[in-house]
Protein backbone atom coordinates (compact mmCIF):
# COMPACT_ATOMS: atom_id res chain seq x y z
CA MET A 1 -193.01 220.42 -28.65
CA ASP A 2 -194.36 219.73 -25.17
CA LEU A 3 -192.71 216.91 -23.18
CA ALA A 4 -196.00 216.03 -21.45
CA ASP A 5 -197.67 215.53 -24.83
CA VAL A 6 -194.78 213.37 -26.00
CA LEU A 7 -195.03 211.18 -22.88
CA ASP A 8 -198.78 210.84 -23.25
CA ASP A 9 -198.48 209.80 -26.90
CA LEU A 10 -195.56 207.41 -26.36
CA TYR A 11 -197.01 205.53 -23.42
CA GLY A 12 -200.39 205.26 -25.06
CA SER A 13 -198.86 203.44 -28.03
CA PRO A 14 -198.48 199.65 -28.39
CA PRO A 15 -195.02 198.38 -27.37
CA ALA A 16 -194.20 197.44 -30.98
CA GLU A 17 -194.47 201.10 -32.00
CA PHE A 18 -192.70 202.61 -29.01
CA THR A 19 -189.10 202.70 -30.25
CA ALA A 20 -189.88 204.11 -33.71
CA THR A 21 -192.20 206.78 -32.26
CA ARG A 22 -189.71 207.74 -29.54
CA ASP A 23 -186.86 208.06 -32.05
CA ALA A 24 -189.02 210.16 -34.34
CA TYR A 25 -189.84 212.58 -31.50
CA ALA A 26 -186.15 212.75 -30.54
CA ARG A 27 -185.17 213.58 -34.15
CA GLN A 28 -187.80 216.28 -34.30
CA ALA A 29 -186.50 217.83 -31.09
CA ARG A 30 -182.92 217.79 -32.43
CA ASP A 31 -184.03 219.28 -35.74
CA GLU A 32 -185.72 222.07 -33.79
CA GLY A 33 -182.45 222.71 -31.99
CA ASP A 34 -183.55 221.39 -28.58
CA ARG A 35 -180.84 218.85 -27.81
CA ASP A 36 -181.78 218.65 -24.12
CA LEU A 37 -185.36 217.69 -24.93
CA ALA A 38 -184.08 215.25 -27.54
CA ALA A 39 -181.85 213.65 -24.88
CA ARG A 40 -184.75 213.41 -22.44
CA ILE A 41 -186.93 211.73 -25.05
CA ALA A 42 -184.15 209.38 -26.18
CA ALA A 43 -183.69 208.28 -22.54
CA LEU A 44 -187.29 207.08 -22.29
CA ARG A 45 -187.66 203.31 -21.89
CA LYS A 46 -190.19 201.07 -23.56
CA PRO A 47 -192.49 199.63 -20.88
CA PRO A 48 -192.63 195.85 -20.51
CA VAL A 49 -195.91 194.29 -21.56
CA PRO A 50 -197.38 194.09 -17.99
CA ALA A 51 -196.69 197.81 -17.37
CA TRP A 52 -198.09 198.72 -20.79
CA ALA A 53 -201.20 196.64 -20.02
CA VAL A 54 -201.74 198.63 -16.81
CA ASN A 55 -201.23 201.89 -18.73
CA LEU A 56 -203.80 200.67 -21.26
CA LEU A 57 -206.26 199.91 -18.45
CA VAL A 58 -205.81 203.43 -17.07
CA ARG A 59 -206.53 204.94 -20.48
CA GLU A 60 -209.37 202.65 -21.55
CA ARG A 61 -210.92 201.70 -18.20
CA GLY A 62 -209.94 204.69 -16.09
CA ASP A 63 -213.09 204.63 -13.94
CA ASP A 64 -212.60 200.97 -13.11
CA VAL A 65 -208.95 201.52 -12.19
CA GLU A 66 -209.90 204.48 -10.01
CA GLN A 67 -212.48 202.38 -8.17
CA LEU A 68 -209.78 199.76 -7.60
CA LEU A 69 -207.38 202.36 -6.17
CA GLN A 70 -210.14 203.80 -3.98
CA LEU A 71 -210.82 200.30 -2.68
CA GLY A 72 -207.12 200.10 -1.80
CA ALA A 73 -207.39 203.38 0.11
CA ALA A 74 -210.40 202.01 2.02
CA MET A 75 -208.43 198.86 2.85
CA ARG A 76 -205.50 200.91 4.15
CA GLU A 77 -207.87 202.93 6.30
CA ALA A 78 -209.58 199.78 7.60
CA THR A 79 -206.18 198.26 8.36
CA ALA A 80 -205.10 201.36 10.24
CA SER A 81 -208.30 201.34 12.30
CA LEU A 82 -208.12 197.56 12.86
CA ALA A 83 -211.63 197.12 11.46
CA GLY A 84 -211.43 193.32 11.11
CA PRO A 85 -214.87 192.51 9.62
CA GLU A 86 -214.71 195.45 7.22
CA LEU A 87 -211.16 194.49 6.21
CA ARG A 88 -212.22 190.93 5.45
CA GLU A 89 -215.11 192.15 3.31
CA LEU A 90 -212.81 194.56 1.47
CA GLY A 91 -210.34 191.72 0.94
CA VAL A 92 -213.06 189.67 -0.77
CA GLN A 93 -213.90 192.67 -2.96
CA GLN A 94 -210.21 193.16 -3.78
CA HIS A 95 -209.87 189.58 -5.00
CA LYS A 96 -212.95 189.87 -7.23
CA VAL A 97 -211.97 193.28 -8.66
CA LEU A 98 -208.38 192.24 -9.39
CA ASP A 99 -209.63 189.15 -11.24
CA ALA A 100 -212.00 191.32 -13.26
CA MET A 101 -209.20 193.78 -14.08
CA ARG A 102 -206.96 190.91 -15.20
CA VAL A 103 -209.69 189.80 -17.63
CA GLN A 104 -210.20 193.36 -18.90
CA ALA A 105 -206.46 193.80 -19.43
CA GLY A 106 -206.35 190.58 -21.45
CA ARG A 107 -209.21 191.73 -23.67
CA LEU A 108 -207.73 195.20 -24.25
CA THR A 109 -204.25 193.95 -25.08
CA LEU A 110 -205.66 191.24 -27.35
CA ALA A 111 -207.60 193.90 -29.25
CA ALA A 112 -204.24 195.70 -29.66
CA GLY A 113 -202.64 192.53 -31.01
CA VAL A 114 -200.90 191.29 -27.84
CA ARG A 115 -202.00 188.15 -25.97
CA LEU A 116 -201.25 188.15 -22.24
CA SER A 117 -199.60 185.05 -20.85
CA LEU A 118 -200.46 183.77 -17.38
CA ASP A 119 -197.18 185.14 -16.00
CA VAL A 120 -197.76 188.58 -17.53
CA GLY A 121 -201.30 188.60 -16.15
CA GLU A 122 -199.90 187.93 -12.66
CA LYS A 123 -197.53 190.90 -13.03
CA VAL A 124 -200.44 193.12 -14.07
CA VAL A 125 -202.31 192.07 -10.92
CA ALA A 126 -199.18 192.59 -8.78
CA THR A 127 -198.79 196.13 -10.14
CA LEU A 128 -202.43 196.98 -9.45
CA ARG A 129 -202.17 195.44 -5.98
CA ALA A 130 -199.10 197.59 -5.31
CA GLY A 131 -201.11 200.64 -6.35
CA MET A 132 -203.78 199.64 -3.85
CA SER A 133 -201.29 199.25 -1.01
CA ASP A 134 -199.61 202.66 -1.23
CA ALA A 135 -200.96 206.14 -2.01
CA ALA A 136 -197.83 207.20 -3.94
CA ALA A 137 -197.94 203.99 -5.95
CA ALA A 138 -201.61 204.69 -6.71
CA ASP A 139 -200.60 208.08 -8.13
CA ALA A 140 -197.92 206.40 -10.25
CA VAL A 141 -200.53 203.99 -11.66
CA ARG A 142 -202.91 206.89 -12.36
CA THR A 143 -200.37 208.54 -14.68
CA GLY A 144 -200.83 205.78 -17.24
CA GLN A 145 -197.11 206.16 -17.96
CA LEU A 146 -195.48 203.31 -16.05
CA VAL A 147 -192.13 202.25 -17.47
CA ARG A 148 -191.91 199.13 -15.28
CA THR A 149 -194.12 196.97 -13.10
CA LEU A 150 -194.65 197.69 -9.43
CA GLU A 151 -194.42 195.35 -6.49
CA ALA A 152 -195.16 195.84 -2.81
CA THR A 153 -191.93 194.96 -0.94
CA GLY A 154 -193.70 195.04 2.43
CA PHE A 155 -196.91 196.28 4.01
CA GLY A 156 -197.57 199.58 2.23
CA GLU A 157 -194.02 199.75 0.85
CA VAL A 158 -193.54 200.11 -2.92
CA ASP A 159 -190.30 200.94 -4.70
CA LEU A 160 -191.19 203.81 -7.05
CA GLU A 161 -187.74 204.93 -8.16
CA GLY A 162 -187.84 205.47 -11.90
CA ALA A 163 -191.32 203.92 -12.09
CA THR A 164 -192.94 206.46 -14.41
CA ALA A 165 -191.93 208.13 -17.66
CA ALA A 166 -191.84 211.51 -15.93
CA ASP A 167 -189.32 210.15 -13.43
CA VAL A 168 -187.05 209.05 -16.27
CA ALA A 169 -187.46 212.23 -18.28
CA LEU A 170 -186.89 214.58 -15.35
CA ALA A 171 -183.88 212.59 -14.16
CA SER A 172 -181.87 213.96 -17.10
CA PRO A 173 -179.99 217.25 -16.55
CA GLY A 174 -182.23 220.22 -17.23
CA PRO A 175 -181.44 222.96 -19.74
CA ALA A 176 -180.11 226.33 -18.74
CA PRO A 177 -182.81 228.90 -17.85
CA ALA A 178 -182.13 230.75 -21.09
CA THR A 179 -182.93 227.64 -23.13
CA ARG A 180 -185.93 226.33 -21.16
CA ALA A 181 -188.27 228.49 -23.23
CA ALA A 182 -187.07 226.66 -26.29
CA VAL A 183 -188.49 223.43 -24.84
CA ARG A 184 -191.99 224.91 -25.11
CA ARG A 185 -191.63 226.48 -28.54
CA LYS A 186 -194.29 225.29 -30.91
CA ALA A 187 -193.18 224.05 -34.27
CA PRO A 188 -195.15 222.58 -37.15
CA PRO A 189 -195.26 218.77 -36.86
CA ARG A 190 -192.94 216.89 -39.14
CA ASP A 191 -194.43 214.72 -41.84
CA GLU A 192 -193.19 211.52 -40.19
CA LEU A 193 -194.89 212.24 -36.86
CA LYS A 194 -198.02 213.44 -38.57
CA ALA A 195 -198.16 210.26 -40.59
CA ARG A 196 -197.66 208.19 -37.45
CA ARG A 197 -200.44 210.03 -35.62
CA GLU A 198 -202.78 209.59 -38.57
CA GLU A 199 -201.91 205.89 -38.75
CA LYS A 200 -202.47 205.55 -35.01
CA ALA A 201 -205.86 207.28 -35.31
CA ARG A 202 -206.76 205.03 -38.24
CA ARG A 203 -205.87 201.88 -36.31
CA GLU A 204 -207.81 203.09 -33.30
CA ALA A 205 -210.85 203.73 -35.50
CA GLU A 206 -210.48 200.26 -36.98
CA ARG A 207 -210.16 198.76 -33.51
CA GLN A 208 -213.29 200.55 -32.34
CA ARG A 209 -215.16 199.47 -35.48
CA ALA A 210 -213.99 195.88 -35.02
CA GLU A 211 -215.01 196.04 -31.36
CA ALA A 212 -218.44 197.36 -32.31
CA GLU A 213 -218.82 194.60 -34.92
CA ARG A 214 -217.73 192.01 -32.38
CA ARG A 215 -220.30 193.27 -29.89
CA ASP A 216 -223.02 193.27 -32.56
CA ARG A 217 -222.03 189.74 -33.56
CA GLU A 218 -222.06 188.59 -29.94
CA ARG A 219 -225.45 190.26 -29.45
CA ARG A 220 -226.86 188.47 -32.50
CA GLU A 221 -225.36 185.18 -31.39
CA LEU A 222 -226.78 185.63 -27.92
CA GLN A 223 -230.19 186.51 -29.38
CA GLU A 224 -230.10 183.40 -31.57
CA ALA A 225 -228.98 181.32 -28.62
CA LEU A 226 -231.84 182.78 -26.56
CA GLU A 227 -234.38 181.94 -29.24
CA GLN A 228 -233.00 178.43 -29.55
CA ALA A 229 -233.09 178.05 -25.79
CA ARG A 230 -236.74 179.14 -25.76
CA GLU A 231 -237.58 176.60 -28.47
CA ASP A 232 -235.71 173.91 -26.56
CA LEU A 233 -237.63 174.88 -23.45
CA GLU A 234 -240.97 174.53 -25.24
CA ASP A 235 -239.90 171.17 -26.69
CA ALA A 236 -238.83 170.04 -23.24
CA ARG A 237 -242.13 171.15 -21.76
CA ARG A 238 -244.07 169.21 -24.41
CA GLU A 239 -241.91 166.16 -23.87
CA ALA A 240 -242.36 166.50 -20.12
CA SER A 241 -246.15 166.73 -20.54
CA SER A 242 -246.19 163.65 -22.79
CA ALA A 243 -243.91 161.80 -20.41
CA ALA A 244 -246.18 162.72 -17.51
CA GLY A 245 -249.17 161.23 -19.38
CA ASP A 246 -247.20 158.09 -20.17
CA LEU A 247 -246.16 157.86 -16.55
CA THR A 248 -249.78 158.11 -15.36
CA SER A 249 -250.87 155.39 -17.80
CA ALA A 250 -247.99 153.18 -16.77
CA GLN A 251 -248.81 153.68 -13.10
CA ARG A 252 -252.45 152.72 -13.69
CA ARG A 253 -251.41 149.67 -15.72
CA ALA A 254 -249.02 148.66 -12.96
CA GLU A 255 -251.78 149.04 -10.35
CA ASP A 256 -254.16 146.90 -12.45
CA LEU A 257 -251.57 144.19 -12.91
CA THR A 258 -250.71 144.31 -9.22
CA ARG A 259 -254.36 143.75 -8.31
CA ARG A 260 -254.65 140.97 -10.88
CA ARG A 261 -251.53 139.31 -9.51
CA GLU A 262 -252.98 139.49 -6.02
CA ASP A 263 -256.26 137.93 -7.22
CA LEU A 264 -254.40 135.18 -9.08
CA GLN A 265 -252.20 134.58 -6.06
CA ALA A 266 -255.27 134.17 -3.87
CA GLU A 267 -256.80 131.77 -6.41
CA LEU A 268 -253.52 129.88 -6.64
CA ASP A 269 -253.38 129.57 -2.87
CA ALA A 270 -256.94 128.12 -2.86
CA VAL A 271 -256.17 125.67 -5.68
CA THR A 272 -252.96 124.67 -3.90
CA GLY A 273 -254.99 123.83 -0.77
CA LEU A 274 -257.48 121.76 -2.79
CA LEU A 275 -254.61 120.04 -4.55
CA GLU A 276 -253.03 119.09 -1.25
CA THR A 277 -256.36 117.65 -0.05
CA ALA A 278 -256.86 115.75 -3.30
CA SER A 279 -253.31 114.43 -3.10
CA GLU A 280 -253.93 113.12 0.41
CA SER A 281 -257.17 111.50 -0.74
CA LEU A 282 -255.35 109.98 -3.69
CA ARG A 283 -252.69 108.53 -1.43
CA SER A 284 -255.39 107.05 0.86
CA ALA A 285 -257.22 105.54 -2.14
CA GLU A 286 -253.96 104.09 -3.45
CA ARG A 287 -253.29 102.47 -0.07
CA ALA A 288 -256.84 101.07 0.07
CA ALA A 289 -256.55 99.74 -3.50
CA HIS A 290 -253.25 98.11 -2.65
CA ALA A 291 -254.76 96.47 0.42
CA ALA A 292 -257.72 95.25 -1.63
CA ASP A 293 -255.37 93.78 -4.23
CA GLU A 294 -253.54 91.92 -1.49
CA ARG A 295 -256.81 90.54 -0.11
CA ILE A 296 -257.90 89.41 -3.56
CA GLY A 297 -254.60 87.66 -4.05
CA HIS A 298 -254.87 85.96 -0.70
CA ALA A 299 -258.47 84.86 -1.43
CA GLU A 300 -257.50 83.50 -4.83
CA ARG A 301 -254.70 81.44 -3.32
CA GLU A 302 -257.07 80.13 -0.61
CA VAL A 303 -259.63 79.12 -3.27
CA GLU A 304 -256.98 77.26 -5.20
CA ARG A 305 -255.79 75.50 -2.07
CA LEU A 306 -259.28 74.39 -1.10
CA ARG A 307 -260.10 73.29 -4.65
CA ALA A 308 -257.00 71.10 -4.62
CA ARG A 309 -258.23 69.26 -1.52
CA LEU A 310 -261.58 68.32 -3.02
CA PRO A 311 -261.77 64.59 -3.90
CA ASP A 312 -262.10 63.70 -7.53
């Protein structure tokens, strides 16, 4: 049994499987007579979810994590050389990349059956940021075997004591030189570990198949959405063309009615002027008629008066 292989298998497993797998390895080591190796394995700690999520990123998105750590190295170099503009640009890149890594971590852990909370996501980002701020911390992240989260305690200062599985395993007392060879002896795998490895491989195959199906489903849904969007676009274009024709007709109708209103207004103005003149004439005629009526009345009274004076 090789300790490096044990560490790689343990810290690549979901947290829910860690304890059972670790105990199985420890039993195998004891059964093989290697109590020191068994003690080292038994001392290994299950990583908290944020640390496991970072380990998962390293294993599944190793190139992306490496680019992130290289960006951190560039930022440290820019800081050391006081390259202000370059440092600001790198800071913008850091923010974008860390956000992207947070999203990737959430997707990977969800595929493994663990949903990241907001607080856990912040701890994932803090651990990655710590790896960017310090070269030794970057190496710890690269192992993919973190047993706890990391945090920068100051500029370029990260506490790394007991941060990786190797630190924990090597902290235990080592075997005597005569027994060290026993640590490396190969032994046939026990049925329990073999079954666990086969189950792990089966779940990984199922996860990959489910991921492939999800991607195919998303691709089909996107294709359908694209086709629907194209149809909607054509409908919108036809509606826009019809609306443009209606708008032109309405504009012409409005122009015709505007001209007609102007003509009618001009005619109304003329009729209003004639009406005012006719009204004045009517008032003059009414005054003349009234005066004539008064004269007739006066004449009639005068005739009656004169008739009364005639002798019988």
